[in-house]
Structure formats: structure tokens, C-alpha cells
Amino acid sequence: MKLFIQFILALLVSVPMWGQVATEAPSTTDTSVTKYPPVANALLWAITGKELTDTSYLYGTIHMIGKEDYFLTEQTKKAFNESDKIVFEINMENMNNMMSQFGLLMKAFMSDGQTLKDFLDEEEYTEVKAHFEEKGITSFLWNMMERIKPMFLSMFASTDLSGGGNPMASGDIVSYEMEFMEMAKEQEKPMGGLETAEYQISVFDSIPYDAQAQMLLQSIRVEVDTAAADELEVLAKLYKEQDINAMITMFESDEEGLGKYEEFLLLNRNRNWIPVMEGMMGQQGTFFGVGAAHLAGEEGVINLLRKEGYTLTPLKDKTILKRL
């Protein structure tokens, strides 16, 4: 059970950005693929103006990335150190509470005792089960995993899960949220969240289970048949280039997958975050770490804050620090 709880915690910091991936990253220099003027490509942004007494910062994270691809810039470390509070999509500090973990565990399951077998035919189900067995999932753990909302499983189609179901157990996968949380603990900085973990999990209920199951199946077939289209590789490339415009364009272009649920997965959440961020920034300098796909776009966090009267300044420092 402890290993299964660790798996759920890994899911919470790795909400899938899309269910189907492209073999090439979209180019944001081609205006035909964008719906809006792109913002500057940068992961770190300073937030000033509108009577703020302290500078706050917005940083685009990627929830899971290979250890060899993880990086921080000197400017990001400086912004983090100068901030009085560290805020994530959800309060990562609360994830250490056992009661919270069990509550989240129950919300990760599909309703009414449904399982993956209810949404795939026999051949498809066998294909998915065999794939995860090859990735190291035991029969005991699979009996619980097949009850989880399929969207959560899609991210791990190409991940070695032999570490008990936790893709970060081997140390080969890094979470920016986990890294920032450890930095905040070392500096004894308070932490917070823009939404609750319960709400974040509930967002996926807006996507029908049968659609989620097909996205899971597709992600497995992409991983098996097209190694070059590996989701983590595509995301890591865009992320290291700090191309936040390509990330949102890629999300929106997935019209048969998560793109059709953009309103629920991205836009509504972006809008909900703005007044929460305003309240926090008004009290003290705050470092906000949210998924990079939330930054760009007409209703991305950058433009929504600008519409409220704040000044957002990109800070793109090429001085790279490897994992601390």
C-alpha cells in the first residue's frame, strides 16, 4: 500500500499535458499555427506594478523530466531565494500528510467501481495490461491501477515502473515541484497552493472515461511503435528551449485528444488562479511555480495578469545550474 500511495503522489505532480504527442514540436514562428500574438519564450517572469510593494515571480515548471535534462538558471535561483513564499498549483507540503494521501487515493479511482476493462474491448485491455506488466507492474498493483482514471496512467506509458509504481523512485525522473519543495524546506520558506489536490483530480472527470481509455491506448501505441515521438523527449526539448508558445500550441493542436478539453484543463484553472495570486502577491513577494503550458496563450497566466494591470517581464538567463 505504501508503494501505491507513492504512485498517487507521483501522479499529482505529473498531470499529463496531452494524451497524444506529435513527432515534431510545432514552430511558433509560423503564425498559421498560433491563435494569438506569442509572448516572449521564457520560463521565468518578474511580476511588478499595480501597487505591489515586492516583486513576485512566475516560473513555468515541467512536472516530470529526465535527470539529465533538469536545469535551473542562476536568475531562477536568485528569484527563488528572494521570494518570501513558494506557491505551487497544489500545496506540495500537504502531500506528506497520511490522511490527505488516503483521501486523494480514493478520488483517483473511477466512480461506481468501474475499471479499465469497462471501457476497452478484450483485445485492447489485454494490450494495455501486458504493456504495464512489461514496465514492471505486478498483478497485485495492477488490480488497483486498473481502477484509476485512465488519464493518470497515460503519462507513464513510456516509464519504467519497476520501482513500485513510482516513476521517480529510480532517481532518473525529476519533478521541479519536488525540487522546489526541498529548496523551500531548506530555506524554511512557507508554501502554498493555487488550488486543492482534490480539485485538480476532479478536473479529469470532465473527460469521459471512455475517451480517457482511448488516450491511454494511443499513448501506449505511440511509445511502442514510434520511439521518436516519446512524450518526455518532445516535452524536454521544448522545455529546455523555454518555448512556452510551442507548448500551448501543441496542446491546442491535439484536437482529438486533450485539446478539446482545454477549457477545463487549462483556461478555467488559469482564470481561477488570478485572484488567488493577487491576494498572495499583495501580502509578500511570492514565487509561483506552475506547469509551463499555463503561461502562454491569450488566456494564459501571463496575459491574464497583464489584463489586471500587472507588468510581466521575461527573465531569460543563460547561466545554467545543474541539479542542486
C-alpha atoms as a PDB file:
ATOM      1  CA  MET A   1       0.000   0.000   0.000  1.00  0.00           C
ATOM      2  CA  LYS A   2       2.886   2.380   0.755  1.00  0.00           C
ATOM      3  CA  LEU A   3       4.198   1.948  -2.793  1.00  0.00           C
ATOM      4  CA  PHE A   4       0.742   2.566  -4.208  1.00  0.00           C
ATOM      5  CA  ILE A   5       0.435   5.800  -2.202  1.00  0.00           C
ATOM      6  CA  GLN A   6       3.801   6.879  -3.651  1.00  0.00           C
ATOM      7  CA  PHE A   7       2.415   6.216  -7.115  1.00  0.00           C
ATOM      8  CA  ILE A   8      -0.569   8.515  -6.451  1.00  0.00           C
ATOM      9  CA  LEU A   9       1.757  11.239  -5.193  1.00  0.00           C
ATOM     10  CA  ALA A  10       3.789  10.913  -8.378  1.00  0.00           C
ATOM     11  CA  LEU A  11       0.588  11.343 -10.381  1.00  0.00           C
ATOM     12  CA  LEU A  12      -0.256  14.592  -8.613  1.00  0.00           C
ATOM     13  CA  VAL A  13       2.986  16.227  -9.730  1.00  0.00           C
ATOM     14  CA  SER A  14       2.754  14.843 -13.242  1.00  0.00           C
ATOM     15  CA  VAL A  15      -0.675  15.788 -14.564  1.00  0.00           C
ATOM     16  CA  PRO A  16      -0.399  14.850 -18.269  1.00  0.00           C
ATOM     17  CA  MET A  17      -0.148  17.817 -20.589  1.00  0.00           C
ATOM     18  CA  TRP A  18      -1.590  15.915 -23.541  1.00  0.00           C
ATOM     19  CA  GLY A  19      -2.611  12.403 -24.417  1.00  0.00           C
ATOM     20  CA  GLN A  20      -1.315  12.236 -27.984  1.00  0.00           C
ATOM     21  CA  VAL A  21       2.057  13.596 -28.994  1.00  0.00           C
ATOM     22  CA  ALA A  22       3.473  14.916 -32.224  1.00  0.00           C
ATOM     23  CA  THR A  23       6.706  13.655 -33.754  1.00  0.00           C
ATOM     24  CA  GLU A  24       7.917  17.230 -34.118  1.00  0.00           C
ATOM     25  CA  ALA A  25       7.488  20.275 -31.937  1.00  0.00           C
ATOM     26  CA  PRO A  26       5.322  22.953 -33.598  1.00  0.00           C
ATOM     27  CA  SER A  27       7.053  26.096 -34.732  1.00  0.00           C
ATOM     28  CA  THR A  28       5.779  29.322 -33.203  1.00  0.00           C
ATOM     29  CA  THR A  29       7.410  31.387 -35.936  1.00  0.00           C
ATOM     30  CA  ASP A  30       4.650  30.195 -38.269  1.00  0.00           C
ATOM     31  CA  THR A  31       1.690  32.443 -37.491  1.00  0.00           C
ATOM     32  CA  SER A  32      -0.683  29.945 -39.083  1.00  0.00           C
ATOM     33  CA  VAL A  33      -0.359  27.686 -36.037  1.00  0.00           C
ATOM     34  CA  THR A  34      -0.986  30.369 -33.411  1.00  0.00           C
ATOM     35  CA  LYS A  35      -4.295  31.968 -32.410  1.00  0.00           C
ATOM     36  CA  TYR A  36      -2.703  34.959 -30.702  1.00  0.00           C
ATOM     37  CA  PRO A  37       0.486  37.040 -30.690  1.00  0.00           C
ATOM     38  CA  PRO A  38       3.082  34.941 -28.835  1.00  0.00           C
ATOM     39  CA  VAL A  39       4.642  36.181 -25.613  1.00  0.00           C
ATOM     40  CA  ALA A  40       8.406  36.015 -25.123  1.00  0.00           C
ATOM     41  CA  ASN A  41       9.758  32.495 -24.759  1.00  0.00           C
ATOM     42  CA  ALA A  42      10.969  32.412 -21.162  1.00  0.00           C
ATOM     43  CA  LEU A  43      10.201  30.241 -18.164  1.00  0.00           C
ATOM     44  CA  LEU A  44      10.840  32.921 -15.521  1.00  0.00           C
ATOM     45  CA  TRP A  45       8.828  36.162 -15.330  1.00  0.00           C
ATOM     46  CA  ALA A  46       9.001  39.047 -12.853  1.00  0.00           C
ATOM     47  CA  ILE A  47       5.627  40.414 -11.688  1.00  0.00           C
ATOM     48  CA  THR A  48       5.559  44.087 -10.704  1.00  0.00           C
ATOM     49  CA  GLY A  49       3.226  47.087 -10.827  1.00  0.00           C
ATOM     50  CA  LYS A  50      -0.324  47.675  -9.616  1.00  0.00           C
ATOM     51  CA  GLU A  51       0.920  48.942  -6.250  1.00  0.00           C
ATOM     52  CA  LEU A  52       2.867  45.784  -5.407  1.00  0.00           C
ATOM     53  CA  THR A  53       5.498  46.567  -2.785  1.00  0.00           C
ATOM     54  CA  ASP A  54       7.587  43.459  -3.524  1.00  0.00           C
ATOM     55  CA  THR A  55       8.452  41.753  -6.795  1.00  0.00           C
ATOM     56  CA  SER A  56       6.850  38.339  -7.288  1.00  0.00           C
ATOM     57  CA  TYR A  57       7.876  35.720  -9.840  1.00  0.00           C
ATOM     58  CA  LEU A  58       6.120  33.300 -12.169  1.00  0.00           C
ATOM     59  CA  TYR A  59       8.015  30.180 -13.218  1.00  0.00           C
ATOM     60  CA  GLY A  60       6.880  27.543 -15.711  1.00  0.00           C
ATOM     61  CA  THR A  61       7.635  24.034 -14.485  1.00  0.00           C
ATOM     62  CA  ILE A  62       7.541  20.680 -16.179  1.00  0.00           C
ATOM     63  CA  HIS A  63       6.125  18.141 -13.781  1.00  0.00           C
ATOM     64  CA  MET A  64       8.396  15.281 -14.850  1.00  0.00           C
ATOM     65  CA  ILE A  65      11.702  15.420 -16.719  1.00  0.00           C
ATOM     66  CA  GLY A  66      14.758  13.201 -17.080  1.00  0.00           C
ATOM     67  CA  LYS A  67      17.503  13.942 -14.545  1.00  0.00           C
ATOM     68  CA  GLU A  68      19.948  14.710 -17.345  1.00  0.00           C
ATOM     69  CA  ASP A  69      17.582  17.367 -18.750  1.00  0.00           C
ATOM     70  CA  TYR A  70      16.806  19.096 -15.460  1.00  0.00           C
ATOM     71  CA  PHE A  71      18.250  22.598 -15.094  1.00  0.00           C
ATOM     72  CA  LEU A  72      17.864  25.875 -13.241  1.00  0.00           C
ATOM     73  CA  THR A  73      19.259  29.233 -14.268  1.00  0.00           C
ATOM     74  CA  GLU A  74      21.192  31.475 -11.888  1.00  0.00           C
ATOM     75  CA  GLN A  75      18.406  34.034 -12.222  1.00  0.00           C
ATOM     76  CA  THR A  76      15.754  31.479 -11.244  1.00  0.00           C
ATOM     77  CA  LYS A  77      17.694  30.502  -8.138  1.00  0.00           C
ATOM     78  CA  LYS A  78      18.083  34.195  -7.252  1.00  0.00           C
ATOM     79  CA  ALA A  79      14.343  34.848  -7.717  1.00  0.00           C
ATOM     80  CA  PHE A  80      13.525  31.819  -5.574  1.00  0.00           C
ATOM     81  CA  ASN A  81      15.904  32.916  -2.817  1.00  0.00           C
ATOM     82  CA  GLU A  82      14.499  36.467  -2.796  1.00  0.00           C
ATOM     83  CA  SER A  83      10.864  35.336  -2.506  1.00  0.00           C
ATOM     84  CA  ASP A  84       9.131  35.137   0.859  1.00  0.00           C
ATOM     85  CA  LYS A  85       6.701  32.351  -0.092  1.00  0.00           C
ATOM     86  CA  ILE A  86       6.710  29.478  -2.578  1.00  0.00           C
ATOM     87  CA  VAL A  87       3.406  28.562  -4.221  1.00  0.00           C
ATOM     88  CA  PHE A  88       2.575  25.622  -6.493  1.00  0.00           C
ATOM     89  CA  GLU A  89      -0.573  24.513  -8.304  1.00  0.00           C
ATOM     90  CA  ILE A  90      -1.278  22.488  -5.168  1.00  0.00           C
ATOM     91  CA  ASN A  91       0.403  22.793  -1.782  1.00  0.00           C
ATOM     92  CA  MET A  92       3.105  20.147  -2.018  1.00  0.00           C
ATOM     93  CA  GLU A  93       3.747  20.345   1.717  1.00  0.00           C
ATOM     94  CA  ASN A  94       0.316  18.856   2.400  1.00  0.00           C
ATOM     95  CA  MET A  95       1.253  15.741   0.448  1.00  0.00           C
ATOM     96  CA  ASN A  96       3.205  14.473   3.457  1.00  0.00           C
ATOM     97  CA  ASN A  97       0.006  14.123   5.481  1.00  0.00           C
ATOM     98  CA  MET A  98      -1.132  10.489   5.559  1.00  0.00           C
ATOM     99  CA  MET A  99      -4.829  11.363   5.902  1.00  0.00           C
ATOM    100  CA  SER A 100      -4.599  13.646   2.864  1.00  0.00           C
ATOM    101  CA  GLN A 101      -2.878  10.884   0.905  1.00  0.00           C
ATOM    102  CA  PHE A 102      -5.632   8.372   1.545  1.00  0.00           C
ATOM    103  CA  GLY A 103      -8.308  10.928   0.699  1.00  0.00           C
ATOM    104  CA  LEU A 104      -6.635  11.633  -2.633  1.00  0.00           C
ATOM    105  CA  LEU A 105      -6.191   7.936  -3.256  1.00  0.00           C
ATOM    106  CA  MET A 106      -9.944   7.416  -3.188  1.00  0.00           C
ATOM    107  CA  LYS A 107     -10.579  10.358  -5.553  1.00  0.00           C
ATOM    108  CA  ALA A 108      -8.115   8.936  -8.079  1.00  0.00           C
ATOM    109  CA  PHE A 109     -10.364   5.912  -8.637  1.00  0.00           C
ATOM    110  CA  MET A 110     -13.137   5.841 -11.210  1.00  0.00           C
ATOM    111  CA  SER A 111     -16.638   6.092  -9.801  1.00  0.00           C
ATOM    112  CA  ASP A 112     -19.117   3.239  -9.234  1.00  0.00           C
ATOM    113  CA  GLY A 113     -16.395   0.600  -9.056  1.00  0.00           C
ATOM    114  CA  GLN A 114     -15.659   0.872 -12.774  1.00  0.00           C
ATOM    115  CA  THR A 115     -12.386  -0.468 -14.154  1.00  0.00           C
ATOM    116  CA  LEU A 116     -10.408  -0.025 -17.352  1.00  0.00           C
ATOM    117  CA  LYS A 117     -11.912  -3.240 -18.642  1.00  0.00           C
ATOM    118  CA  ASP A 118     -15.312  -1.482 -18.832  1.00  0.00           C
ATOM    119  CA  PHE A 119     -14.034   0.954 -21.479  1.00  0.00           C
ATOM    120  CA  LEU A 120     -11.836  -1.191 -23.731  1.00  0.00           C
ATOM    121  CA  ASP A 121     -12.605  -4.309 -25.711  1.00  0.00           C
ATOM    122  CA  GLU A 122     -10.874  -7.526 -24.677  1.00  0.00           C
ATOM    123  CA  GLU A 123      -8.011  -7.176 -27.151  1.00  0.00           C
ATOM    124  CA  GLU A 124      -7.333  -3.541 -26.196  1.00  0.00           C
ATOM    125  CA  TYR A 125      -7.465  -4.314 -22.490  1.00  0.00           C
ATOM    126  CA  THR A 126      -5.012  -7.198 -22.875  1.00  0.00           C
ATOM    127  CA  GLU A 127      -2.683  -4.903 -24.820  1.00  0.00           C
ATOM    128  CA  VAL A 128      -2.702  -2.256 -22.084  1.00  0.00           C
ATOM    129  CA  LYS A 129      -2.283  -4.746 -19.246  1.00  0.00           C
ATOM    130  CA  ALA A 130       0.594  -6.534 -20.986  1.00  0.00           C
ATOM    131  CA  HIS A 131       2.322  -3.208 -21.619  1.00  0.00           C
ATOM    132  CA  PHE A 132       2.282  -2.197 -17.961  1.00  0.00           C
ATOM    133  CA  GLU A 133       3.396  -5.670 -16.905  1.00  0.00           C
ATOM    134  CA  GLU A 134       6.410  -5.218 -19.192  1.00  0.00           C
ATOM    135  CA  LYS A 135       7.069  -1.914 -17.412  1.00  0.00           C
ATOM    136  CA  GLY A 136       7.308  -3.705 -14.063  1.00  0.00           C
ATOM    137  CA  ILE A 137       3.777  -3.526 -12.639  1.00  0.00           C
ATOM    138  CA  THR A 138       2.865  -6.615 -10.589  1.00  0.00           C
ATOM    139  CA  SER A 139      -0.516  -8.322 -10.841  1.00  0.00           C
ATOM    140  CA  PHE A 140      -1.355  -7.137  -7.322  1.00  0.00           C
ATOM    141  CA  LEU A 141      -0.670  -3.495  -8.147  1.00  0.00           C
ATOM    142  CA  TRP A 142      -2.453  -3.761 -11.499  1.00  0.00           C
ATOM    143  CA  ASN A 143      -5.651  -4.857  -9.733  1.00  0.00           C
ATOM    144  CA  MET A 144      -5.695  -1.404  -8.127  1.00  0.00           C
ATOM    145  CA  MET A 145      -4.241   0.542 -11.041  1.00  0.00           C
ATOM    146  CA  GLU A 146      -6.954  -0.549 -13.483  1.00  0.00           C
ATOM    147  CA  ARG A 147      -9.481   1.236 -11.290  1.00  0.00           C
ATOM    148  CA  ILE A 148      -7.624   4.575 -11.598  1.00  0.00           C
ATOM    149  CA  LYS A 149      -8.866   7.192 -14.030  1.00  0.00           C
ATOM    150  CA  PRO A 150      -7.084   6.298 -17.306  1.00  0.00           C
ATOM    151  CA  MET A 151      -5.745   9.823 -17.896  1.00  0.00           C
ATOM    152  CA  PHE A 152      -3.448   9.400 -14.914  1.00  0.00           C
ATOM    153  CA  LEU A 153      -1.916   6.294 -16.435  1.00  0.00           C
ATOM    154  CA  SER A 154      -1.181   7.829 -19.844  1.00  0.00           C
ATOM    155  CA  MET A 155       1.853   9.764 -18.650  1.00  0.00           C
ATOM    156  CA  PHE A 156       3.586   6.553 -17.621  1.00  0.00           C
ATOM    157  CA  ALA A 157       3.245   4.604 -20.863  1.00  0.00           C
ATOM    158  CA  SER A 158       6.965   5.033 -21.568  1.00  0.00           C
ATOM    159  CA  THR A 159       8.215   4.925 -17.965  1.00  0.00           C
ATOM    160  CA  ASP A 160       9.921   2.050 -16.165  1.00  0.00           C
ATOM    161  CA  LEU A 161       7.616   1.455 -13.203  1.00  0.00           C
ATOM    162  CA  SER A 162       9.608  -1.312 -11.546  1.00  0.00           C
ATOM    163  CA  GLY A 163      10.315   0.986  -8.597  1.00  0.00           C
ATOM    164  CA  GLY A 164       6.993   0.028  -7.034  1.00  0.00           C
ATOM    165  CA  GLY A 165       4.842   2.172  -9.286  1.00  0.00           C
ATOM    166  CA  ASN A 166       6.649   5.445  -8.608  1.00  0.00           C
ATOM    167  CA  PRO A 167       8.470   6.717 -11.741  1.00  0.00           C
ATOM    168  CA  MET A 168      10.657   8.949  -9.574  1.00  0.00           C
ATOM    169  CA  ALA A 169      11.813   6.093  -7.340  1.00  0.00           C
ATOM    170  CA  SER A 170      14.819   5.270  -9.520  1.00  0.00           C
ATOM    171  CA  GLY A 171      16.096   8.848  -9.460  1.00  0.00           C
ATOM    172  CA  ASP A 172      16.107   9.013 -13.272  1.00  0.00           C
ATOM    173  CA  ILE A 173      12.999  11.231 -13.330  1.00  0.00           C
ATOM    174  CA  VAL A 174      12.928  14.624 -11.604  1.00  0.00           C
ATOM    175  CA  SER A 175       9.972  16.798 -10.611  1.00  0.00           C
ATOM    176  CA  TYR A 176      10.531  20.548 -10.486  1.00  0.00           C
ATOM    177  CA  GLU A 177       7.839  20.798  -7.823  1.00  0.00           C
ATOM    178  CA  MET A 178       9.639  18.262  -5.638  1.00  0.00           C
ATOM    179  CA  GLU A 179      12.956  20.048  -6.144  1.00  0.00           C
ATOM    180  CA  PHE A 180      11.458  23.439  -5.278  1.00  0.00           C
ATOM    181  CA  MET A 181       9.736  21.949  -2.246  1.00  0.00           C
ATOM    182  CA  GLU A 182      13.049  20.664  -0.908  1.00  0.00           C
ATOM    183  CA  MET A 183      14.658  24.057  -1.541  1.00  0.00           C
ATOM    184  CA  ALA A 184      11.803  25.761   0.329  1.00  0.00           C
ATOM    185  CA  LYS A 185      12.221  23.400   3.271  1.00  0.00           C
ATOM    186  CA  GLU A 186      15.957  24.074   3.433  1.00  0.00           C
ATOM    187  CA  GLN A 187      15.292  27.819   3.486  1.00  0.00           C
ATOM    188  CA  GLU A 188      12.321  27.423   5.853  1.00  0.00           C
ATOM    189  CA  LYS A 189      10.024  29.269   3.461  1.00  0.00           C
ATOM    190  CA  PRO A 190       6.237  28.890   3.785  1.00  0.00           C
ATOM    191  CA  MET A 191       4.485  27.097   0.932  1.00  0.00           C
ATOM    192  CA  GLY A 192       1.013  27.313  -0.561  1.00  0.00           C
ATOM    193  CA  GLY A 193      -1.201  26.188  -3.417  1.00  0.00           C
ATOM    194  CA  LEU A 194      -3.416  27.881  -6.014  1.00  0.00           C
ATOM    195  CA  GLU A 195      -5.967  25.062  -5.889  1.00  0.00           C
ATOM    196  CA  THR A 196      -6.552  21.921  -3.882  1.00  0.00           C
ATOM    197  CA  ALA A 197      -5.323  18.482  -4.926  1.00  0.00           C
ATOM    198  CA  GLU A 198      -8.921  17.279  -4.713  1.00  0.00           C
ATOM    199  CA  TYR A 199      -9.975  19.870  -7.274  1.00  0.00           C
ATOM    200  CA  GLN A 200      -7.054  19.045  -9.556  1.00  0.00           C
ATOM    201  CA  ILE A 201      -8.032  15.381  -9.616  1.00  0.00           C
ATOM    202  CA  SER A 202     -11.709  16.249 -10.165  1.00  0.00           C
ATOM    203  CA  VAL A 203     -10.828  18.239 -13.310  1.00  0.00           C
ATOM    204  CA  PHE A 204     -10.274  14.967 -15.137  1.00  0.00           C
ATOM    205  CA  ASP A 205     -13.885  13.983 -14.542  1.00  0.00           C
ATOM    206  CA  SER A 206     -14.747  16.460 -17.304  1.00  0.00           C
ATOM    207  CA  ILE A 207     -13.229  13.959 -19.750  1.00  0.00           C
ATOM    208  CA  PRO A 208     -15.396  10.832 -20.241  1.00  0.00           C
ATOM    209  CA  TYR A 209     -13.740   7.630 -19.083  1.00  0.00           C
ATOM    210  CA  ASP A 210     -14.066   6.007 -22.499  1.00  0.00           C
ATOM    211  CA  ALA A 211     -12.212   8.948 -24.081  1.00  0.00           C
ATOM    212  CA  GLN A 212      -9.545   8.731 -21.383  1.00  0.00           C
ATOM    213  CA  ALA A 213      -9.146   5.000 -22.055  1.00  0.00           C
ATOM    214  CA  GLN A 214      -8.591   5.618 -25.766  1.00  0.00           C
ATOM    215  CA  MET A 215      -5.974   8.280 -24.976  1.00  0.00           C
ATOM    216  CA  LEU A 216      -4.202   5.766 -22.751  1.00  0.00           C
ATOM    217  CA  LEU A 217      -4.265   3.157 -25.506  1.00  0.00           C
ATOM    218  CA  GLN A 218      -2.926   5.671 -28.021  1.00  0.00           C
ATOM    219  CA  SER A 219      -0.104   6.757 -25.713  1.00  0.00           C
ATOM    220  CA  ILE A 220       0.950   3.111 -25.353  1.00  0.00           C
ATOM    221  CA  ARG A 221       0.914   2.505 -29.105  1.00  0.00           C
ATOM    222  CA  VAL A 222       2.938   5.677 -29.728  1.00  0.00           C
ATOM    223  CA  GLU A 223       5.509   4.555 -27.153  1.00  0.00           C
ATOM    224  CA  VAL A 224       5.750   1.085 -28.658  1.00  0.00           C
ATOM    225  CA  ASP A 225       5.615   1.936 -32.348  1.00  0.00           C
ATOM    226  CA  THR A 226       7.235   5.375 -32.595  1.00  0.00           C
ATOM    227  CA  ALA A 227      10.127   5.809 -30.201  1.00  0.00           C
ATOM    228  CA  ALA A 228      10.992   9.184 -31.768  1.00  0.00           C
ATOM    229  CA  ALA A 229       7.654  10.542 -30.606  1.00  0.00           C
ATOM    230  CA  ASP A 230       8.315   9.784 -26.953  1.00  0.00           C
ATOM    231  CA  GLU A 231       6.303  12.280 -24.940  1.00  0.00           C
ATOM    232  CA  LEU A 232       9.024  13.095 -22.444  1.00  0.00           C
ATOM    233  CA  GLU A 233      11.555  13.680 -25.224  1.00  0.00           C
ATOM    234  CA  VAL A 234       9.276  16.120 -27.035  1.00  0.00           C
ATOM    235  CA  LEU A 235       8.404  17.955 -23.839  1.00  0.00           C
ATOM    236  CA  ALA A 236      12.000  18.065 -22.651  1.00  0.00           C
ATOM    237  CA  LYS A 237      13.141  19.578 -25.964  1.00  0.00           C
ATOM    238  CA  LEU A 238      10.534  22.340 -25.830  1.00  0.00           C
ATOM    239  CA  TYR A 239      11.192  22.930 -22.175  1.00  0.00           C
ATOM    240  CA  LYS A 240      14.949  23.287 -22.489  1.00  0.00           C
ATOM    241  CA  GLU A 241      14.351  25.777 -25.297  1.00  0.00           C
ATOM    242  CA  GLN A 242      11.926  27.595 -22.951  1.00  0.00           C
ATOM    243  CA  ASP A 243       9.442  27.603 -25.848  1.00  0.00           C
ATOM    244  CA  ILE A 244       6.247  28.170 -23.887  1.00  0.00           C
ATOM    245  CA  ASN A 245       4.410  29.267 -27.044  1.00  0.00           C
ATOM    246  CA  ALA A 246       5.079  25.928 -28.746  1.00  0.00           C
ATOM    247  CA  MET A 247       3.897  24.094 -25.640  1.00  0.00           C
ATOM    248  CA  ILE A 248       0.463  25.733 -25.642  1.00  0.00           C
ATOM    249  CA  THR A 249       0.231  25.424 -29.443  1.00  0.00           C
ATOM    250  CA  MET A 250       0.981  21.719 -29.155  1.00  0.00           C
ATOM    251  CA  PHE A 251      -1.740  21.316 -26.549  1.00  0.00           C
ATOM    252  CA  GLU A 252      -4.330  23.161 -28.626  1.00  0.00           C
ATOM    253  CA  SER A 253      -3.449  21.272 -31.825  1.00  0.00           C
ATOM    254  CA  ASP A 254      -4.372  17.936 -30.211  1.00  0.00           C
ATOM    255  CA  GLU A 255      -7.968  18.335 -31.350  1.00  0.00           C
ATOM    256  CA  GLU A 256      -8.807  14.653 -30.952  1.00  0.00           C
ATOM    257  CA  GLY A 257      -7.205  14.386 -27.510  1.00  0.00           C
ATOM    258  CA  LEU A 258      -6.788  16.790 -24.616  1.00  0.00           C
ATOM    259  CA  GLY A 259      -7.043  19.847 -26.853  1.00  0.00           C
ATOM    260  CA  LYS A 260     -10.823  19.569 -26.946  1.00  0.00           C
ATOM    261  CA  TYR A 261     -10.858  19.838 -23.135  1.00  0.00           C
ATOM    262  CA  GLU A 262      -8.693  22.948 -22.966  1.00  0.00           C
ATOM    263  CA  GLU A 263     -11.450  24.932 -21.250  1.00  0.00           C
ATOM    264  CA  PHE A 264     -11.459  22.561 -18.263  1.00  0.00           C
ATOM    265  CA  LEU A 265      -7.798  21.563 -18.090  1.00  0.00           C
ATOM    266  CA  LEU A 266      -6.181  24.962 -18.661  1.00  0.00           C
ATOM    267  CA  LEU A 267      -8.362  28.016 -19.160  1.00  0.00           C
ATOM    268  CA  ASN A 268     -10.785  27.698 -16.240  1.00  0.00           C
ATOM    269  CA  ARG A 269      -7.922  26.950 -13.908  1.00  0.00           C
ATOM    270  CA  ASN A 270      -5.880  29.906 -15.208  1.00  0.00           C
ATOM    271  CA  ARG A 271      -8.823  32.236 -14.566  1.00  0.00           C
ATOM    272  CA  ASN A 272      -9.392  30.817 -11.092  1.00  0.00           C
ATOM    273  CA  TRP A 273      -5.746  31.329 -10.153  1.00  0.00           C
ATOM    274  CA  ILE A 274      -5.566  35.077 -10.872  1.00  0.00           C
ATOM    275  CA  PRO A 275      -7.463  36.390  -7.810  1.00  0.00           C
ATOM    276  CA  VAL A 276      -5.633  33.874  -5.611  1.00  0.00           C
ATOM    277  CA  MET A 277      -2.284  35.092  -6.950  1.00  0.00           C
ATOM    278  CA  GLU A 278      -3.307  38.717  -6.463  1.00  0.00           C
ATOM    279  CA  GLY A 279      -4.113  38.103  -2.817  1.00  0.00           C
ATOM    280  CA  MET A 280      -0.784  36.380  -2.197  1.00  0.00           C
ATOM    281  CA  MET A 281       1.326  38.947  -4.095  1.00  0.00           C
ATOM    282  CA  GLY A 282      -0.370  41.775  -2.215  1.00  0.00           C
ATOM    283  CA  GLN A 283       0.969  40.381   1.050  1.00  0.00           C
ATOM    284  CA  GLN A 284       4.539  39.393   0.173  1.00  0.00           C
ATOM    285  CA  GLY A 285       6.928  38.553  -2.641  1.00  0.00           C
ATOM    286  CA  THR A 286       5.828  35.160  -3.953  1.00  0.00           C
ATOM    287  CA  PHE A 287       7.443  32.624  -6.268  1.00  0.00           C
ATOM    288  CA  PHE A 288       4.734  30.826  -8.281  1.00  0.00           C
ATOM    289  CA  GLY A 289       5.692  27.509  -9.909  1.00  0.00           C
ATOM    290  CA  VAL A 290       3.008  26.219 -12.296  1.00  0.00           C
ATOM    291  CA  GLY A 291       3.043  23.997 -15.385  1.00  0.00           C
ATOM    292  CA  ALA A 292       4.672  25.809 -18.302  1.00  0.00           C
ATOM    293  CA  ALA A 293       1.662  25.146 -20.556  1.00  0.00           C
ATOM    294  CA  HIS A 294      -0.321  27.542 -18.346  1.00  0.00           C
ATOM    295  CA  LEU A 295       1.913  30.532 -19.117  1.00  0.00           C
ATOM    296  CA  ALA A 296       1.382  31.441 -22.785  1.00  0.00           C
ATOM    297  CA  GLY A 297      -1.788  31.860 -24.825  1.00  0.00           C
ATOM    298  CA  GLU A 298      -4.466  34.508 -24.993  1.00  0.00           C
ATOM    299  CA  GLU A 299      -5.796  33.358 -21.638  1.00  0.00           C
ATOM    300  CA  GLY A 300      -2.522  32.127 -20.245  1.00  0.00           C
ATOM    301  CA  VAL A 301      -1.468  33.340 -16.822  1.00  0.00           C
ATOM    302  CA  ILE A 302       0.934  35.930 -18.299  1.00  0.00           C
ATOM    303  CA  ASN A 303      -1.725  37.688 -20.364  1.00  0.00           C
ATOM    304  CA  LEU A 304      -4.412  37.382 -17.678  1.00  0.00           C
ATOM    305  CA  LEU A 305      -2.155  39.107 -15.142  1.00  0.00           C
ATOM    306  CA  ARG A 306      -1.321  41.809 -17.689  1.00  0.00           C
ATOM    307  CA  LYS A 307      -5.037  42.404 -18.236  1.00  0.00           C
ATOM    308  CA  GLU A 308      -5.352  43.015 -14.493  1.00  0.00           C
ATOM    309  CA  GLY A 309      -2.734  45.759 -14.701  1.00  0.00           C
ATOM    310  CA  TYR A 310       0.451  43.958 -13.686  1.00  0.00           C
ATOM    311  CA  THR A 311       3.760  44.225 -15.537  1.00  0.00           C
ATOM    312  CA  LEU A 312       5.197  40.844 -16.585  1.00  0.00           C
ATOM    313  CA  THR A 313       8.870  40.938 -17.569  1.00  0.00           C
ATOM    314  CA  PRO A 314      10.644  37.870 -19.021  1.00  0.00           C
ATOM    315  CA  LEU A 315      13.922  36.938 -17.320  1.00  0.00           C
ATOM    316  CA  LYS A 316      15.874  34.593 -19.565  1.00  0.00           C
ATOM    317  CA  ASP A 317      19.311  33.936 -18.120  1.00  0.00           C
ATOM    318  CA  LYS A 318      21.578  31.515 -19.986  1.00  0.00           C
ATOM    319  CA  THR A 319      23.698  30.800 -16.897  1.00  0.00           C
ATOM    320  CA  ILE A 320      22.658  27.216 -16.264  1.00  0.00           C
ATOM    321  CA  LEU A 321      22.881  25.419 -12.941  1.00  0.00           C
ATOM    322  CA  LYS A 322      22.505  21.646 -12.997  1.00  0.00           C
ATOM    323  CA  ARG A 323      20.523  19.770 -10.373  1.00  0.00           C
ATOM    324  CA  LEU A 324      21.270  21.193  -6.926  1.00  0.00           C
END
